[in-house]
Amino acid sequence: MLARLRLQDAAVLSQAGRFDGAYYLFGLAVECGLKACICRKTRRYDFPDKDLAQKSYQHDLSKLVEAAGLVAARDGAMSGDAQFTAYWGIVKDWSIQSRYETTEQSKAEALEQAITDRRHGVMRWIRQHW
């Protein structure tokens, strides 16, 4: 899956000290994961819902959670897991615009941790829904 590939790419960049690219790709991995969740809502021969398709053509992670129909699931996870709540607070602030920005090491590492933590990470939560 594309989300896993972007996570691997981001990890390689992070290990090489290329934090700008790592930050961008870690967030992009979350975007790809959420879009995979949206895709799962469409059956093979269904005519795609126009409103859902339009909501999918964006990069705002909170809006993609809405488009995927995962708001209640996210809120439920947040109510039972303070660490996941903190991690979502970091992840939701990622922007596609980060591809044009420089990123401090600490910010990239915080996003990596928020996404990849095996017990509380955002990607673990997304995988439960794709």
N, C-alpha and C. Protein backbone atom coordinates (compact mmCIF):
# COMPACT_ATOMS: atom_id res chain seq x y z
N MET A 1 0.83 -1.18 0.00
CA MET A 1 0.00 0.00 0.00
C MET A 1 0.88 1.25 0.00
N LEU A 2 0.39 2.28 -0.64
CA LEU A 2 1.14 3.52 -0.81
C LEU A 2 1.50 4.17 0.54
N ALA A 3 0.60 4.10 1.50
CA ALA A 3 0.88 4.70 2.81
C ALA A 3 2.11 4.07 3.44
N ARG A 4 2.24 2.76 3.34
CA ARG A 4 3.41 2.07 3.90
C ARG A 4 4.69 2.48 3.19
N LEU A 5 4.61 2.62 1.88
CA LEU A 5 5.79 3.05 1.12
C LEU A 5 6.23 4.45 1.53
N ARG A 6 5.28 5.37 1.70
CA ARG A 6 5.64 6.73 2.11
C ARG A 6 6.24 6.72 3.51
N LEU A 7 5.74 5.85 4.40
CA LEU A 7 6.33 5.74 5.73
C LEU A 7 7.78 5.27 5.64
N GLN A 8 8.03 4.30 4.79
CA GLN A 8 9.39 3.80 4.61
C GLN A 8 10.30 4.88 4.03
N ASP A 9 9.81 5.61 3.04
CA ASP A 9 10.59 6.70 2.46
C ASP A 9 10.91 7.76 3.50
N ALA A 10 9.90 8.11 4.30
CA ALA A 10 10.09 9.13 5.33
C ALA A 10 11.11 8.68 6.37
N ALA A 11 11.06 7.41 6.75
CA ALA A 11 12.01 6.89 7.74
C ALA A 11 13.44 6.95 7.21
N VAL A 12 13.62 6.63 5.95
CA VAL A 12 14.96 6.70 5.34
C VAL A 12 15.47 8.14 5.37
N LEU A 13 14.61 9.08 4.99
CA LEU A 13 15.02 10.49 5.01
C LEU A 13 15.33 10.96 6.43
N SER A 14 14.51 10.55 7.38
CA SER A 14 14.74 10.95 8.77
C SER A 14 16.08 10.42 9.28
N GLN A 15 16.36 9.16 8.99
CA GLN A 15 17.63 8.56 9.42
C GLN A 15 18.83 9.25 8.77
N ALA A 16 18.62 9.80 7.58
CA ALA A 16 19.69 10.50 6.87
C ALA A 16 19.79 11.97 7.28
N GLY A 17 18.95 12.39 8.22
CA GLY A 17 18.98 13.77 8.66
C GLY A 17 18.29 14.74 7.72
N ARG A 18 17.48 14.25 6.82
CA ARG A 18 16.75 15.08 5.85
C ARG A 18 15.34 15.30 6.38
N PHE A 19 15.23 16.16 7.40
CA PHE A 19 14.01 16.29 8.17
C PHE A 19 12.89 17.01 7.43
N ASP A 20 13.25 17.90 6.50
CA ASP A 20 12.20 18.58 5.72
C ASP A 20 11.40 17.56 4.92
N GLY A 21 12.09 16.73 4.17
CA GLY A 21 11.43 15.72 3.35
C GLY A 21 10.75 14.66 4.19
N ALA A 22 11.39 14.28 5.31
CA ALA A 22 10.79 13.29 6.20
C ALA A 22 9.46 13.77 6.75
N TYR A 23 9.44 15.01 7.21
CA TYR A 23 8.20 15.57 7.77
C TYR A 23 7.08 15.54 6.72
N TYR A 24 7.40 16.00 5.54
CA TYR A 24 6.42 16.02 4.46
C TYR A 24 5.89 14.61 4.17
N LEU A 25 6.79 13.64 4.04
CA LEU A 25 6.37 12.28 3.68
C LEU A 25 5.66 11.56 4.82
N PHE A 26 6.01 11.85 6.06
CA PHE A 26 5.26 11.25 7.16
C PHE A 26 3.80 11.70 7.11
N GLY A 27 3.59 12.98 6.90
CA GLY A 27 2.22 13.47 6.79
C GLY A 27 1.51 12.92 5.56
N LEU A 28 2.23 12.82 4.47
CA LEU A 28 1.65 12.28 3.24
C LEU A 28 1.23 10.82 3.44
N ALA A 29 1.97 10.08 4.24
CA ALA A 29 1.61 8.69 4.54
C ALA A 29 0.25 8.63 5.24
N VAL A 30 0.02 9.54 6.17
CA VAL A 30 -1.27 9.60 6.85
C VAL A 30 -2.37 9.93 5.84
N GLU A 31 -2.10 10.91 4.98
CA GLU A 31 -3.07 11.27 3.94
C GLU A 31 -3.41 10.05 3.08
N CYS A 32 -2.40 9.32 2.66
CA CYS A 32 -2.63 8.13 1.82
C CYS A 32 -3.44 7.07 2.58
N GLY A 33 -3.14 6.91 3.85
CA GLY A 33 -3.89 5.95 4.66
C GLY A 33 -5.35 6.32 4.78
N LEU A 34 -5.61 7.60 5.00
CA LEU A 34 -7.00 8.05 5.10
C LEU A 34 -7.72 7.92 3.76
N LYS A 35 -7.02 8.19 2.69
CA LYS A 35 -7.64 8.04 1.37
C LYS A 35 -7.90 6.57 1.05
N ALA A 36 -7.07 5.68 1.57
CA ALA A 36 -7.34 4.25 1.42
C ALA A 36 -8.63 3.88 2.16
N CYS A 37 -8.85 4.48 3.32
CA CYS A 37 -10.09 4.25 4.06
C CYS A 37 -11.30 4.74 3.25
N ILE A 38 -11.14 5.87 2.59
CA ILE A 38 -12.22 6.40 1.76
C ILE A 38 -12.49 5.45 0.60
N CYS A 39 -11.44 4.95 -0.02
CA CYS A 39 -11.59 4.02 -1.14
C CYS A 39 -12.33 2.77 -0.74
N ARG A 40 -12.12 2.32 0.48
CA ARG A 40 -12.80 1.11 0.95
C ARG A 40 -14.31 1.30 1.03
N LYS A 41 -14.76 2.53 1.05
CA LYS A 41 -16.20 2.80 1.11
C LYS A 41 -16.88 2.61 -0.25
N THR A 42 -16.09 2.51 -1.31
CA THR A 42 -16.64 2.37 -2.66
C THR A 42 -16.46 0.93 -3.10
N ARG A 43 -17.55 0.31 -3.48
CA ARG A 43 -17.48 -1.07 -3.96
C ARG A 43 -17.06 -1.08 -5.42
N ARG A 44 -16.62 -2.20 -5.86
CA ARG A 44 -15.98 -2.34 -7.17
C ARG A 44 -16.77 -1.73 -8.33
N TYR A 45 -18.00 -2.01 -8.45
CA TYR A 45 -18.77 -1.54 -9.61
C TYR A 45 -19.74 -0.40 -9.26
N ASP A 46 -19.59 0.17 -8.09
CA ASP A 46 -20.43 1.31 -7.70
C ASP A 46 -20.03 2.55 -8.48
N PHE A 47 -21.01 3.35 -8.78
CA PHE A 47 -20.74 4.67 -9.34
C PHE A 47 -20.34 5.56 -8.17
N PRO A 48 -19.19 6.21 -8.22
CA PRO A 48 -18.72 6.97 -7.05
C PRO A 48 -19.66 8.13 -6.70
N ASP A 49 -19.80 8.32 -5.42
CA ASP A 49 -20.58 9.43 -4.90
C ASP A 49 -19.82 10.73 -5.19
N LYS A 50 -20.44 11.65 -5.88
CA LYS A 50 -19.77 12.88 -6.31
C LYS A 50 -19.29 13.71 -5.12
N ASP A 51 -20.13 13.83 -4.10
CA ASP A 51 -19.76 14.63 -2.93
C ASP A 51 -18.56 14.01 -2.22
N LEU A 52 -18.56 12.70 -2.06
CA LEU A 52 -17.44 12.03 -1.42
C LEU A 52 -16.17 12.18 -2.24
N ALA A 53 -16.31 12.06 -3.56
CA ALA A 53 -15.14 12.22 -4.43
C ALA A 53 -14.55 13.62 -4.29
N GLN A 54 -15.39 14.63 -4.24
CA GLN A 54 -14.90 16.00 -4.10
C GLN A 54 -14.23 16.21 -2.74
N LYS A 55 -14.80 15.63 -1.69
CA LYS A 55 -14.22 15.77 -0.36
C LYS A 55 -12.87 15.04 -0.26
N SER A 56 -12.68 14.07 -1.13
CA SER A 56 -11.44 13.29 -1.12
C SER A 56 -10.29 14.01 -1.79
N TYR A 57 -10.60 14.96 -2.65
CA TYR A 57 -9.55 15.68 -3.39
C TYR A 57 -9.06 16.88 -2.58
N GLN A 58 -8.46 16.59 -1.44
CA GLN A 58 -7.90 17.62 -0.58
C GLN A 58 -6.80 16.99 0.26
N HIS A 59 -6.17 17.81 1.07
CA HIS A 59 -5.03 17.34 1.84
C HIS A 59 -5.18 17.60 3.34
N ASP A 60 -6.28 18.21 3.76
CA ASP A 60 -6.52 18.49 5.17
C ASP A 60 -6.86 17.18 5.87
N LEU A 61 -6.02 16.76 6.81
CA LEU A 61 -6.20 15.45 7.43
C LEU A 61 -7.49 15.35 8.23
N SER A 62 -7.88 16.41 8.92
CA SER A 62 -9.14 16.38 9.67
C SER A 62 -10.34 16.23 8.74
N LYS A 63 -10.30 16.91 7.61
CA LYS A 63 -11.39 16.78 6.65
C LYS A 63 -11.40 15.42 5.99
N LEU A 64 -10.24 14.82 5.81
CA LEU A 64 -10.19 13.48 5.25
C LEU A 64 -10.75 12.45 6.24
N VAL A 65 -10.56 12.67 7.53
CA VAL A 65 -11.17 11.81 8.54
C VAL A 65 -12.69 11.89 8.40
N GLU A 66 -13.21 13.09 8.19
CA GLU A 66 -14.66 13.27 7.99
C GLU A 66 -15.11 12.53 6.73
N ALA A 67 -14.39 12.72 5.63
CA ALA A 67 -14.76 12.09 4.37
C ALA A 67 -14.75 10.56 4.48
N ALA A 68 -13.84 10.04 5.28
CA ALA A 68 -13.74 8.59 5.47
C ALA A 68 -14.81 8.06 6.42
N GLY A 69 -15.57 8.97 7.04
CA GLY A 69 -16.59 8.55 7.99
C GLY A 69 -16.01 8.05 9.29
N LEU A 70 -14.88 8.60 9.68
CA LEU A 70 -14.16 8.11 10.86
C LEU A 70 -14.14 9.09 12.03
N VAL A 71 -14.97 10.11 11.99
CA VAL A 71 -14.95 11.10 13.08
C VAL A 71 -15.32 10.44 14.41
N ALA A 72 -16.40 9.66 14.42
CA ALA A 72 -16.82 9.00 15.67
C ALA A 72 -15.75 8.03 16.16
N ALA A 73 -15.14 7.30 15.23
CA ALA A 73 -14.07 6.36 15.61
C ALA A 73 -12.87 7.11 16.18
N ARG A 74 -12.51 8.22 15.55
CA ARG A 74 -11.38 9.01 16.05
C ARG A 74 -11.71 9.58 17.43
N ASP A 75 -12.89 10.13 17.56
CA ASP A 75 -13.28 10.71 18.84
C ASP A 75 -13.35 9.66 19.94
N GLY A 76 -13.81 8.45 19.58
CA GLY A 76 -13.84 7.35 20.54
C GLY A 76 -12.44 6.95 20.96
N ALA A 77 -11.53 6.89 20.01
CA ALA A 77 -10.14 6.57 20.32
C ALA A 77 -9.53 7.64 21.20
N MET A 78 -9.88 8.89 20.93
CA MET A 78 -9.33 9.99 21.72
C MET A 78 -9.88 9.98 23.15
N SER A 79 -11.14 9.61 23.31
CA SER A 79 -11.72 9.62 24.65
C SER A 79 -11.12 8.53 25.54
N GLY A 80 -10.61 7.47 24.93
CA GLY A 80 -10.06 6.38 25.72
C GLY A 80 -8.55 6.33 25.74
N ASP A 81 -7.87 7.26 25.08
CA ASP A 81 -6.41 7.16 24.95
C ASP A 81 -5.80 8.56 24.89
N ALA A 82 -5.32 9.02 26.02
CA ALA A 82 -4.75 10.36 26.09
C ALA A 82 -3.54 10.52 25.18
N GLN A 83 -2.75 9.46 25.02
CA GLN A 83 -1.56 9.55 24.16
C GLN A 83 -1.97 9.69 22.70
N PHE A 84 -2.98 8.92 22.29
CA PHE A 84 -3.49 9.06 20.92
C PHE A 84 -4.01 10.47 20.70
N THR A 85 -4.69 11.03 21.68
CA THR A 85 -5.20 12.40 21.59
C THR A 85 -4.05 13.38 21.36
N ALA A 86 -2.99 13.23 22.11
CA ALA A 86 -1.81 14.10 21.95
C ALA A 86 -1.20 13.90 20.57
N TYR A 87 -1.11 12.67 20.14
CA TYR A 87 -0.55 12.39 18.82
C TYR A 87 -1.41 12.99 17.71
N TRP A 88 -2.73 12.84 17.82
CA TRP A 88 -3.60 13.42 16.80
C TRP A 88 -3.41 14.94 16.75
N GLY A 89 -3.20 15.56 17.90
CA GLY A 89 -2.96 17.00 17.95
C GLY A 89 -1.73 17.40 17.14
N ILE A 90 -0.75 16.55 17.09
CA ILE A 90 0.46 16.81 16.29
C ILE A 90 0.17 16.56 14.81
N VAL A 91 -0.44 15.42 14.52
CA VAL A 91 -0.66 15.00 13.14
C VAL A 91 -1.61 15.93 12.40
N LYS A 92 -2.67 16.37 13.05
CA LYS A 92 -3.68 17.18 12.37
C LYS A 92 -3.12 18.51 11.88
N ASP A 93 -2.01 18.94 12.45
CA ASP A 93 -1.42 20.22 12.05
C ASP A 93 -0.51 20.12 10.82
N TRP A 94 -0.27 18.89 10.35
CA TRP A 94 0.52 18.71 9.13
C TRP A 94 -0.23 19.36 7.97
N SER A 95 0.52 19.90 7.04
CA SER A 95 -0.07 20.53 5.86
C SER A 95 0.72 20.13 4.62
N ILE A 96 0.03 20.00 3.53
CA ILE A 96 0.68 19.71 2.25
C ILE A 96 1.69 20.82 1.92
N GLN A 97 1.48 21.99 2.46
CA GLN A 97 2.39 23.11 2.23
C GLN A 97 3.77 22.87 2.82
N SER A 98 3.88 21.88 3.68
CA SER A 98 5.18 21.59 4.29
C SER A 98 6.23 21.21 3.25
N ARG A 99 5.78 20.81 2.07
CA ARG A 99 6.74 20.46 1.02
C ARG A 99 7.56 21.67 0.58
N TYR A 100 7.09 22.86 0.89
CA TYR A 100 7.79 24.09 0.52
C TYR A 100 8.51 24.74 1.70
N GLU A 101 8.49 24.08 2.85
CA GLU A 101 9.01 24.68 4.07
C GLU A 101 10.18 23.88 4.63
N THR A 102 10.98 24.55 5.45
CA THR A 102 12.00 23.83 6.19
C THR A 102 11.39 23.40 7.53
N THR A 103 11.86 22.29 8.02
CA THR A 103 11.28 21.72 9.25
C THR A 103 12.40 21.37 10.21
N GLU A 104 12.22 21.76 11.45
CA GLU A 104 13.21 21.44 12.48
C GLU A 104 13.19 19.94 12.78
N GLN A 105 14.31 19.44 13.18
CA GLN A 105 14.44 18.03 13.51
C GLN A 105 13.41 17.61 14.55
N SER A 106 13.25 18.40 15.59
CA SER A 106 12.33 18.04 16.67
C SER A 106 10.89 17.92 16.18
N LYS A 107 10.50 18.78 15.25
CA LYS A 107 9.14 18.72 14.71
C LYS A 107 8.94 17.47 13.86
N ALA A 108 9.93 17.13 13.05
CA ALA A 108 9.85 15.92 12.23
C ALA A 108 9.83 14.68 13.11
N GLU A 109 10.65 14.65 14.14
CA GLU A 109 10.69 13.49 15.02
C GLU A 109 9.40 13.35 15.82
N ALA A 110 8.80 14.47 16.21
CA ALA A 110 7.52 14.40 16.92
C ALA A 110 6.43 13.84 16.02
N LEU A 111 6.41 14.26 14.75
CA LEU A 111 5.42 13.74 13.81
C LEU A 111 5.66 12.25 13.58
N GLU A 112 6.91 11.86 13.42
CA GLU A 112 7.23 10.44 13.22
C GLU A 112 6.71 9.61 14.39
N GLN A 113 6.99 10.04 15.59
CA GLN A 113 6.54 9.32 16.79
C GLN A 113 5.01 9.25 16.84
N ALA A 114 4.36 10.36 16.54
CA ALA A 114 2.89 10.42 16.60
C ALA A 114 2.25 9.47 15.59
N ILE A 115 2.92 9.26 14.49
CA ILE A 115 2.37 8.41 13.44
C ILE A 115 2.73 6.95 13.67
N THR A 116 3.94 6.66 14.08
CA THR A 116 4.44 5.29 14.07
C THR A 116 4.41 4.57 15.41
N ASP A 117 4.07 5.25 16.49
CA ASP A 117 4.01 4.58 17.79
C ASP A 117 3.12 3.34 17.67
N ARG A 118 3.66 2.19 18.05
CA ARG A 118 2.95 0.92 17.85
C ARG A 118 1.71 0.76 18.71
N ARG A 119 1.63 1.43 19.84
CA ARG A 119 0.47 1.28 20.73
C ARG A 119 -0.54 2.40 20.58
N HIS A 120 -0.07 3.61 20.31
CA HIS A 120 -0.97 4.76 20.33
C HIS A 120 -0.92 5.59 19.05
N GLY A 121 -0.13 5.19 18.08
CA GLY A 121 0.11 6.00 16.90
C GLY A 121 -1.08 6.11 15.96
N VAL A 122 -1.07 7.18 15.22
CA VAL A 122 -2.17 7.47 14.30
C VAL A 122 -2.24 6.45 13.17
N MET A 123 -1.10 5.99 12.66
CA MET A 123 -1.15 5.01 11.58
C MET A 123 -1.70 3.68 12.07
N ARG A 124 -1.43 3.30 13.30
CA ARG A 124 -2.01 2.09 13.87
C ARG A 124 -3.53 2.21 13.86
N TRP A 125 -4.02 3.36 14.25
CA TRP A 125 -5.47 3.59 14.28
C TRP A 125 -6.05 3.55 12.86
N ILE A 126 -5.38 4.18 11.92
CA ILE A 126 -5.88 4.18 10.53
C ILE A 126 -5.93 2.76 9.98
N ARG A 127 -4.92 1.97 10.26
CA ARG A 127 -4.88 0.58 9.75
C ARG A 127 -6.09 -0.24 10.23
N GLN A 128 -6.62 0.11 11.36
CA GLN A 128 -7.80 -0.60 11.87
C GLN A 128 -9.03 -0.35 10.99
N HIS A 129 -8.95 0.66 10.14
CA HIS A 129 -10.13 1.07 9.37
C HIS A 129 -9.97 0.91 7.86
N TRP A 130 -8.82 0.44 7.39
CA TRP A 130 -8.70 0.28 5.94
C TRP A 130 -8.82 -1.12 5.55
